[in-house]
Protein backbone atom coordinates (compact mmCIF):
# COMPACT_ATOMS: atom_id res chain seq x y z
CA MET A 1 21.50 95.39 -10.52
CA SER A 2 19.75 92.38 -9.01
CA THR A 3 17.78 92.84 -5.82
CA SER A 4 18.90 89.42 -4.55
CA HIS A 5 21.97 87.20 -4.21
CA THR A 6 22.16 83.48 -4.88
CA LEU A 7 23.99 81.72 -2.05
CA ASN A 8 26.38 78.82 -2.52
CA ASP A 9 23.65 76.41 -1.38
CA GLY A 10 21.29 77.59 -4.13
CA PHE A 11 18.96 79.70 -2.01
CA GLN A 12 18.43 83.40 -2.65
CA ILE A 13 18.45 86.27 -0.16
CA PRO A 14 17.74 89.99 -0.64
CA ALA A 15 20.56 92.35 -1.62
CA ILE A 16 19.90 94.63 1.34
CA GLY A 17 18.67 93.81 4.83
CA PHE A 18 17.46 95.40 8.04
CA GLY A 19 19.66 95.28 11.14
CA THR A 20 17.78 95.05 14.43
CA TYR A 21 20.45 95.81 17.04
CA PRO A 22 19.61 97.32 19.57
CA LEU A 23 15.86 97.37 18.87
CA LYS A 24 13.84 95.92 21.74
CA ASP A 25 10.40 95.92 23.35
CA GLN A 26 7.43 97.76 21.84
CA ASP A 27 9.54 100.45 20.17
CA GLY A 28 11.61 97.73 18.54
CA TYR A 29 8.49 95.90 17.41
CA ARG A 30 7.16 99.07 15.77
CA ALA A 31 10.50 99.70 14.02
CA ILE A 32 10.62 96.17 12.62
CA ARG A 33 7.01 96.38 11.48
CA THR A 34 7.58 99.67 9.66
CA ALA A 35 10.71 98.19 8.06
CA LEU A 36 8.68 95.24 6.77
CA ASP A 37 5.96 97.62 5.59
CA ALA A 38 8.62 99.64 3.75
CA GLY A 39 9.69 96.52 1.85
CA TYR A 40 12.61 95.00 3.77
CA ARG A 41 12.62 91.24 3.28
CA LEU A 42 15.86 90.32 5.07
CA ILE A 43 15.72 90.79 8.86
CA ASP A 44 18.88 90.23 10.91
CA SER A 45 18.85 89.35 14.61
CA ALA A 46 20.99 87.50 17.19
CA VAL A 47 20.60 85.78 20.53
CA ASN A 48 22.76 88.49 22.09
CA TYR A 49 20.51 91.25 20.73
CA GLY A 50 17.82 90.01 23.10
CA ASN A 51 15.10 90.65 20.53
CA GLU A 52 14.38 87.40 18.72
CA ASP A 53 10.94 87.33 20.31
CA ILE A 54 9.84 90.70 18.93
CA VAL A 55 11.50 89.99 15.56
CA GLY A 56 9.43 86.82 15.27
CA ARG A 57 6.25 88.52 16.48
CA ALA A 58 6.68 91.41 14.05
CA ILE A 59 7.26 89.01 11.15
CA ASN A 60 4.34 86.74 12.04
CA ASP A 61 1.98 89.70 12.45
CA PHE A 62 3.16 91.20 9.16
CA LEU A 63 2.68 87.91 7.29
CA LYS A 64 -0.81 87.46 8.71
CA GLU A 65 -1.94 91.03 8.05
CA SER A 66 -0.30 91.57 4.66
CA GLY A 67 -0.85 88.15 3.11
CA THR A 68 2.85 88.06 2.20
CA ASP A 69 4.22 84.56 1.64
CA ARG A 70 6.62 83.30 4.33
CA ASP A 71 9.17 82.38 1.63
CA GLU A 72 9.52 86.07 0.75
CA ILE A 73 11.04 86.83 4.16
CA THR A 74 14.62 85.87 5.09
CA VAL A 75 15.21 85.71 8.83
CA GLN A 76 18.76 85.59 10.18
CA THR A 77 19.96 85.07 13.71
CA LYS A 78 23.24 84.19 15.43
CA ILE A 79 24.33 81.83 18.17
CA PRO A 80 26.41 83.39 20.98
CA GLY A 81 29.92 82.51 22.13
CA ARG A 82 28.64 80.72 25.22
CA ALA A 83 26.98 78.17 22.92
CA HIS A 84 30.04 77.08 20.94
CA GLU A 85 30.23 73.52 22.24
CA PHE A 86 28.62 71.11 19.77
CA GLU A 87 25.54 70.19 21.82
CA ALA A 88 25.16 73.76 23.11
CA ALA A 89 25.20 75.10 19.55
CA ILE A 90 22.43 72.70 18.58
CA ALA A 91 20.41 73.66 21.65
CA SER A 92 20.94 77.37 20.95
CA GLY A 93 19.69 77.05 17.38
CA LYS A 94 16.58 75.17 18.51
CA GLU A 95 15.95 77.73 21.24
CA SER A 96 16.25 80.58 18.74
CA LEU A 97 13.72 78.89 16.49
CA ALA A 98 11.30 78.55 19.40
CA THR A 99 11.85 82.15 20.50
CA LEU A 100 11.29 83.45 16.98
CA GLY A 101 8.11 81.38 16.72
CA LEU A 102 8.74 80.67 13.05
CA ASP A 103 8.81 77.49 10.97
CA ARG A 104 12.54 77.77 10.32
CA ILE A 105 15.58 80.01 10.62
CA ASP A 106 16.52 81.00 7.08
CA VAL A 107 20.17 81.83 7.82
CA LEU A 108 21.81 80.82 11.11
CA LEU A 109 25.23 82.29 11.90
CA ILE A 110 28.00 81.95 14.47
CA HIS A 111 28.16 85.48 15.92
CA TRP A 112 31.91 85.66 16.69
CA PRO A 113 34.66 83.03 16.34
CA ASN A 114 36.06 83.61 19.85
CA PRO A 115 39.36 81.95 18.86
CA ILE A 116 40.89 82.31 22.32
CA THR A 117 38.15 80.08 23.71
CA GLY A 118 38.71 78.06 20.53
CA LYS A 119 35.46 76.13 20.13
CA TYR A 120 34.14 77.70 16.94
CA ARG A 121 34.87 74.50 14.99
CA GLU A 122 32.48 72.65 17.30
CA ALA A 123 29.91 75.39 16.82
CA TRP A 124 30.16 75.04 13.05
CA ARG A 125 29.63 71.29 13.25
CA GLY A 126 26.54 72.07 15.35
CA LEU A 127 25.21 74.42 12.67
CA VAL A 128 25.78 71.75 10.01
CA GLU A 129 23.68 69.39 12.16
CA LEU A 130 20.95 72.04 12.52
CA ARG A 131 20.85 72.48 8.76
CA GLU A 132 20.49 68.73 8.28
CA ALA A 133 17.66 68.72 10.84
CA GLY A 134 15.79 71.51 9.04
CA VAL A 135 16.08 73.97 11.93
CA ALA A 136 18.15 76.26 9.68
CA ARG A 137 17.81 76.44 5.92
CA SER A 138 21.25 77.99 5.33
CA ILE A 139 24.24 78.44 7.64
CA GLY A 140 26.97 81.04 7.81
CA VAL A 141 29.27 82.96 10.10
CA SER A 142 29.98 86.47 11.32
CA ASN A 143 33.32 88.17 12.04
CA PHE A 144 35.40 85.23 10.79
CA THR A 145 38.88 85.75 9.35
CA ALA A 146 40.32 83.84 6.39
CA GLU A 147 42.03 81.46 8.84
CA HIS A 148 38.81 80.77 10.74
CA LEU A 149 37.00 80.11 7.47
CA ALA A 150 39.71 77.73 6.28
CA ASN A 151 39.53 75.80 9.56
CA ILE A 152 35.78 75.17 9.53
CA ILE A 153 35.67 74.38 5.81
CA GLY A 154 38.60 71.99 6.24
CA ASP A 155 36.89 70.28 9.19
CA THR A 156 33.48 69.76 7.60
CA GLY A 157 33.69 70.33 3.86
CA VAL A 158 30.84 72.82 4.33
CA THR A 159 31.42 76.42 3.24
CA PRO A 160 29.41 79.18 4.96
CA VAL A 161 26.90 80.92 2.72
CA VAL A 162 27.72 84.33 4.20
CA ASN A 163 30.27 86.00 6.47
CA GLN A 164 28.84 89.09 8.16
CA ILE A 165 31.68 91.51 8.95
CA GLU A 166 32.23 95.13 9.92
CA LEU A 167 32.40 96.94 6.59
CA HIS A 168 31.98 100.64 5.80
CA PRO A 169 33.96 103.26 3.85
CA TYR A 170 36.51 103.74 6.64
CA PHE A 171 37.04 99.97 6.86
CA ASN A 172 36.38 98.49 3.44
CA GLN A 173 37.66 94.94 4.12
CA GLU A 174 39.23 94.53 0.67
CA GLN A 175 41.17 91.41 1.63
CA MET A 176 38.22 89.64 3.22
CA ARG A 177 35.99 90.51 0.27
CA ALA A 178 38.56 88.93 -2.05
CA GLU A 179 38.71 85.83 0.17
CA HIS A 180 34.92 85.56 0.15
CA LYS A 181 34.82 85.83 -3.63
CA LYS A 182 37.39 83.06 -3.93
CA LEU A 183 35.40 80.78 -1.63
CA GLY A 184 31.93 81.62 -2.97
CA ILE A 185 30.82 83.31 0.26
CA VAL A 186 28.53 86.35 0.18
CA THR A 187 29.78 89.35 2.16
CA GLN A 188 27.32 90.98 4.56
CA SER A 189 28.16 94.35 6.09
CA TRP A 190 27.32 95.26 9.67
CA SER A 191 27.42 98.95 10.56
CA PRO A 192 27.40 99.56 6.78
CA LEU A 193 27.17 103.35 7.16
CA GLY A 194 29.86 103.61 9.84
CA LYS A 195 27.52 104.57 12.71
CA ARG A 196 28.81 107.61 14.62
CA ASN A 197 31.78 107.85 12.21
CA ALA A 198 29.62 107.84 9.08
CA PRO A 199 31.58 109.75 6.40
CA TYR A 200 28.65 111.83 5.19
CA ALA A 201 30.75 115.01 5.05
CA GLU A 202 33.58 113.48 3.03
CA PRO A 203 33.67 115.38 -0.28
CA VAL A 204 33.46 112.24 -2.41
CA VAL A 205 30.31 111.15 -0.55
CA ALA A 206 28.69 114.59 -0.34
CA ASP A 207 29.49 115.39 -3.99
CA SER A 208 28.12 112.05 -5.19
CA ALA A 209 24.94 112.60 -3.18
CA GLU A 210 24.43 116.01 -4.79
CA ARG A 211 25.23 114.68 -8.25
CA HIS A 212 22.67 111.86 -7.98
CA GLY A 213 20.06 113.76 -5.99
CA VAL A 214 20.17 111.35 -3.07
CA THR A 215 21.33 111.40 0.56
CA PRO A 216 24.91 110.63 1.64
CA ALA A 217 23.61 107.49 3.38
CA GLN A 218 22.07 106.32 0.11
CA VAL A 219 25.41 106.87 -1.63
CA ILE A 220 27.21 104.70 0.92
CA LEU A 221 24.61 101.95 0.74
CA ARG A 222 24.79 102.03 -3.05
CA TRP A 223 28.60 101.77 -2.75
CA GLN A 224 28.04 98.62 -0.68
CA LEU A 225 25.82 97.17 -3.40
CA GLU A 226 28.28 98.07 -6.15
CA LEU A 227 30.95 96.10 -4.25
CA GLY A 228 28.65 93.09 -4.11
CA ASN A 229 28.00 93.34 -0.35
CA ILE A 230 24.68 92.94 1.46
CA PRO A 231 24.43 95.94 3.80
CA LEU A 232 22.30 95.70 6.95
CA PRO A 233 21.38 99.27 7.91
CA LYS A 234 19.36 99.89 11.07
CA SER A 235 16.98 102.78 11.67
CA ALA A 236 13.90 103.16 13.83
CA THR A 237 12.70 106.12 11.72
CA PRO A 238 10.23 105.10 8.97
CA GLU A 239 11.40 107.85 6.60
CA ARG A 240 15.03 106.81 6.94
CA GLN A 241 14.14 103.14 6.62
CA ALA A 242 12.49 103.89 3.30
CA GLN A 243 15.43 106.00 2.11
CA ASN A 244 17.93 103.29 3.03
CA LEU A 245 16.01 100.78 0.93
CA ASP A 246 15.61 103.15 -2.02
CA VAL A 247 19.06 102.59 -3.53
CA PHE A 248 18.26 100.68 -6.72
CA GLY A 249 17.24 103.68 -8.83
CA PHE A 250 20.75 105.06 -9.40
CA SER A 251 24.28 103.75 -9.75
CA LEU A 252 27.75 105.01 -8.96
CA SER A 253 30.54 105.25 -11.48
CA GLU A 254 33.66 103.12 -11.11
CA GLU A 255 35.50 106.29 -10.17
CA GLU A 256 33.01 107.13 -7.41
CA VAL A 257 33.19 103.59 -6.02
CA ALA A 258 37.00 103.68 -6.05
CA ALA A 259 37.10 107.09 -4.37
CA ILE A 260 34.78 105.98 -1.56
CA SER A 261 36.78 102.77 -1.13
CA ALA A 262 39.93 104.88 -0.82
CA LEU A 263 38.57 106.40 2.41
CA THR A 264 39.49 103.16 4.22
CA ARG A 265 41.86 103.33 7.18
CA GLU A 266 44.05 100.71 8.80
CA ASP A 267 42.53 101.65 12.18
CA GLY A 268 39.03 102.13 10.81
CA ARG A 269 37.20 99.71 13.11
CA LEU A 270 34.39 101.24 15.16
CA PHE A 271 35.63 99.55 18.34
CA ASP A 272 38.24 97.02 19.40
CA GLY A 273 36.52 94.26 17.44
CA ASP A 274 39.46 92.38 15.98
CA PRO A 275 38.11 88.83 15.44
CA ASN A 276 41.51 87.41 16.40
CA THR A 277 41.23 88.84 19.93
CA HIS A 278 37.62 89.87 20.57
CA GLU A 279 35.59 87.43 22.65
CA GLU A 280 31.82 87.83 22.90
CA MET A 281 30.01 85.27 25.01
């Protein structure tokens, strides 16, 4: 299995990333540095995480000290709901770039569609402008439904490179994954392990872990990869960071993948985060 995905704009990003919510301050800096040291090359942030400054500092320090080429690191961040007006979206993207202290944002996303406020189309036009200006290399969205995707693509003719959505065994997002495949959008998974509801004790997960000599978390992350998703696990523990990245040395059978997918529930969301009603400013 490839360790990267080619986006619909021709750029490549790693097949697994590091989520940084809610890492902040010096502890957050240390966690991001150890993640980079462990080999993570896709780092995900957001304005509303309040940590773009330490994400940028950790990356810049790592590049300087390791000699790693900047092009090997993919940095993602997201504009907030309060910046959905066209000019505000442009200003937010530029502010994120300044806060990160980097030469570019590799992937810039709209964090939530906020359809009740109803300005996400403006925000997308702003991201298209930021891409044209070189502030962002690639542009995408997060928590968008099929309808939201159709609206922004219809407005601009520009298809997001990724849609980052809640996706774990209890909420496997089969319909959205199919929609993404049809449109050529890469699926990214936030809370890929299911956080506090992680199904580590489910027999299909526990049995697969024992069979392959890995941890239940590694089984779930491998399931994500087998589905073609980019999972974004978060851990501040170096050992767990390394384990979460070490998922390319084994594979799951079709039966194992299907059995884990079958754990999905209609009410499997971790919180009331329905993109049709949730508003995050």
